[in-house]
Amino acid sequence: MRDKYVNPPASTDFGILFLPIEGLFAEVIRRPGLAEGIQRDCRVVIAGPTTLWSILNSLQMGFRTLAIQKRSGEVWTLLGAVKTEWSKYGEVLDAVQKRIHQASETIEKAKVRTRAIGRKLRDVQELPAEASSTLLSLAMDEEDGEAMPEMQ
């Protein structure tokens, strides 16, 4: 059995010899050192009708544990990548915060200039709304390249 079926890595590194009759299984187990010798030297586990289910369950649990370990390694790799990206995200967020702060300072400077101009314009008499609209539309036409008519 060892030479024919146990062929790692093409197969598992052990085999299970199922003895379908409980009396035959009991006779093999009863002989001192026989089952242990076969397991140690041939890498073959002896199983009977009552023990096969337990052996298969144990193997299934072992394979599930290996699968979980493999997946946990993948999760740790993914978490490492996320951690790297998270630090890059923090750097980008800091840059955005700096730019927002600069924009806020620029707006504050514009408000100061607006107040200064407003103080200078307090003494200037306001024109009626219609006259200011006409005057401003003529000034805009001049900026577009049209000649501005003479004011009276």
Protein backbone atom coordinates (compact mmCIF):
# COMPACT_ATOMS: atom_id res chain seq x y z
CA MET A 1 0.00 0.00 0.00
CA ARG A 2 2.81 2.43 0.89
CA ASP A 3 4.63 1.90 -2.41
CA LYS A 4 1.50 2.09 -4.55
CA TYR A 5 -0.62 4.85 -2.94
CA VAL A 6 1.55 7.02 -0.67
CA ASN A 7 3.37 9.31 -3.10
CA PRO A 8 3.89 12.85 -1.81
CA PRO A 9 3.43 15.52 -3.18
CA ALA A 10 1.06 13.83 -5.67
CA SER A 11 -0.84 12.40 -2.70
CA THR A 12 -0.89 12.80 1.06
CA ASP A 13 2.19 11.60 2.93
CA PHE A 14 0.15 8.87 4.66
CA GLY A 15 -2.51 6.31 3.81
CA ILE A 16 -5.52 4.83 5.62
CA LEU A 17 -6.02 1.06 5.58
CA PHE A 18 -9.71 0.42 6.21
CA LEU A 19 -10.50 -2.98 7.71
CA PRO A 20 -14.28 -3.35 7.16
CA ILE A 21 -14.82 -6.08 9.77
CA GLU A 22 -14.67 -5.03 13.40
CA GLY A 23 -13.22 -8.43 14.47
CA LEU A 24 -10.33 -8.12 11.96
CA PHE A 25 -9.64 -4.53 13.12
CA ALA A 26 -9.68 -5.70 16.79
CA GLU A 27 -7.20 -8.53 15.99
CA VAL A 28 -4.72 -6.11 14.35
CA ILE A 29 -4.98 -3.62 17.21
CA ARG A 30 -4.62 -6.42 19.79
CA ARG A 31 -1.19 -7.43 18.50
CA PRO A 32 1.40 -5.38 20.41
CA GLY A 33 3.26 -2.85 18.25
CA LEU A 34 1.74 -3.94 14.93
CA ALA A 35 -0.48 -0.88 14.29
CA GLU A 36 2.19 1.51 15.61
CA GLY A 37 4.91 -0.14 13.47
CA ILE A 38 2.80 0.03 10.32
CA GLN A 39 2.00 3.67 11.02
CA ARG A 40 5.62 4.60 11.78
CA ASP A 41 7.40 2.56 9.08
CA CYS A 42 4.83 2.58 6.27
CA ARG A 43 2.98 5.83 7.04
CA VAL A 44 -0.33 3.91 6.97
CA VAL A 45 -3.06 4.34 9.62
CA ILE A 46 -5.22 1.30 10.41
CA ALA A 47 -8.95 2.12 10.60
CA GLY A 48 -11.97 0.01 11.44
CA PRO A 49 -15.72 0.63 11.09
CA THR A 50 -15.87 2.49 14.41
CA THR A 51 -12.69 4.57 13.99
CA LEU A 52 -12.85 5.57 10.30
CA TRP A 53 -15.39 8.32 10.96
CA SER A 54 -13.21 9.84 13.71
CA ILE A 55 -10.08 9.73 11.53
CA LEU A 56 -11.87 11.39 8.60
CA ASN A 57 -13.33 14.09 10.86
CA SER A 58 -9.87 14.78 12.29
CA LEU A 59 -8.44 15.09 8.77
CA GLN A 60 -11.25 17.41 7.71
CA MET A 61 -10.61 19.64 10.74
CA GLY A 62 -6.89 19.69 9.90
CA PHE A 63 -7.55 20.71 6.29
CA ARG A 64 -9.99 23.40 7.43
CA THR A 65 -7.37 24.72 9.83
CA LEU A 66 -4.83 24.89 7.00
CA ALA A 67 -7.32 26.71 4.79
CA ILE A 68 -8.05 29.20 7.58
CA GLN A 69 -4.33 29.79 8.12
CA LYS A 70 -3.86 30.41 4.40
CA ARG A 71 -6.79 32.85 4.32
CA SER A 72 -5.56 34.63 7.45
CA GLY A 73 -2.23 35.17 5.69
CA GLU A 74 -4.09 36.73 2.77
CA VAL A 75 -6.05 38.94 5.18
CA TRP A 76 -2.82 40.13 6.83
CA THR A 77 -1.36 40.94 3.41
CA LEU A 78 -4.49 42.90 2.50
CA LEU A 79 -4.39 44.75 5.82
CA GLY A 80 -0.76 45.67 5.16
CA ALA A 81 -1.73 47.15 1.80
CA VAL A 82 -4.62 49.05 3.39
CA LYS A 83 -2.28 50.42 6.07
CA THR A 84 0.10 51.70 3.37
CA GLU A 85 -2.75 53.37 1.50
CA TRP A 86 -4.12 54.81 4.74
CA SER A 87 -0.87 56.67 5.40
CA LYS A 88 -0.94 58.04 1.83
CA TYR A 89 -4.55 59.13 2.41
CA GLY A 90 -3.44 61.00 5.56
CA GLU A 91 -0.76 62.81 3.56
CA VAL A 92 -3.30 63.85 0.91
CA LEU A 93 -5.72 65.00 3.61
CA ASP A 94 -2.97 67.13 5.19
CA ALA A 95 -2.26 68.74 1.80
CA VAL A 96 -5.98 69.50 1.31
CA GLN A 97 -6.18 71.00 4.79
CA LYS A 98 -3.16 73.23 4.04
CA ARG A 99 -4.75 74.46 0.79
CA ILE A 100 -8.07 75.15 2.51
CA HIS A 101 -6.21 77.11 5.17
CA GLN A 102 -4.39 79.11 2.44
CA ALA A 103 -7.71 79.82 0.69
CA SER A 104 -9.21 80.97 4.00
CA GLU A 105 -6.28 83.33 4.54
CA THR A 106 -6.67 84.71 1.00
CA ILE A 107 -10.39 85.32 1.60
CA GLU A 108 -9.56 87.09 4.86
CA LYS A 109 -7.08 89.36 3.04
CA ALA A 110 -9.76 90.15 0.41
CA LYS A 111 -12.21 91.08 3.21
CA VAL A 112 -9.61 93.45 4.70
CA ARG A 113 -9.13 95.10 1.29
CA THR A 114 -12.92 95.32 0.82
CA ARG A 115 -13.29 97.10 4.17
CA ALA A 116 -10.44 99.49 3.29
CA ILE A 117 -12.00 100.34 -0.08
CA GLY A 118 -15.40 100.66 1.58
CA ARG A 119 -14.00 103.25 4.04
CA LYS A 120 -12.59 105.27 1.14
CA LEU A 121 -15.91 105.11 -0.73
CA ARG A 122 -18.07 106.29 2.21
CA ASP A 123 -17.82 109.91 1.17
CA VAL A 124 -18.64 109.22 -2.50
CA GLN A 125 -22.23 109.94 -3.42
CA GLU A 126 -24.17 106.95 -4.79
CA LEU A 127 -25.77 107.13 -8.24
CA PRO A 128 -29.32 106.00 -8.84
CA ALA A 129 -29.57 102.33 -9.79
CA GLU A 130 -30.56 103.06 -13.39
CA ALA A 131 -27.65 105.43 -13.98
CA SER A 132 -25.12 103.03 -12.44
CA SER A 133 -26.39 100.14 -14.60
CA THR A 134 -26.05 102.25 -17.75
CA LEU A 135 -22.60 103.46 -16.75
CA LEU A 136 -21.34 99.99 -15.86
CA SER A 137 -22.72 98.40 -19.05
CA LEU A 138 -20.92 101.06 -21.11
CA ALA A 139 -17.70 100.36 -19.20
CA MET A 140 -18.06 96.65 -19.91
CA ASP A 141 -18.63 97.33 -23.62
CA GLU A 142 -15.40 99.33 -23.67
CA GLU A 143 -13.51 96.41 -22.14
CA ASP A 144 -14.81 94.23 -24.98
CA GLY A 145 -13.21 96.58 -27.50
CA GLU A 146 -16.08 98.95 -28.28
CA ALA A 147 -15.63 102.68 -27.94
CA MET A 148 -17.30 104.27 -24.94
CA PRO A 149 -19.45 107.32 -25.73
CA GLU A 150 -18.51 110.60 -24.14
CA MET A 151 -20.20 111.31 -20.81
CA GLN A 152 -21.86 114.66 -20.23
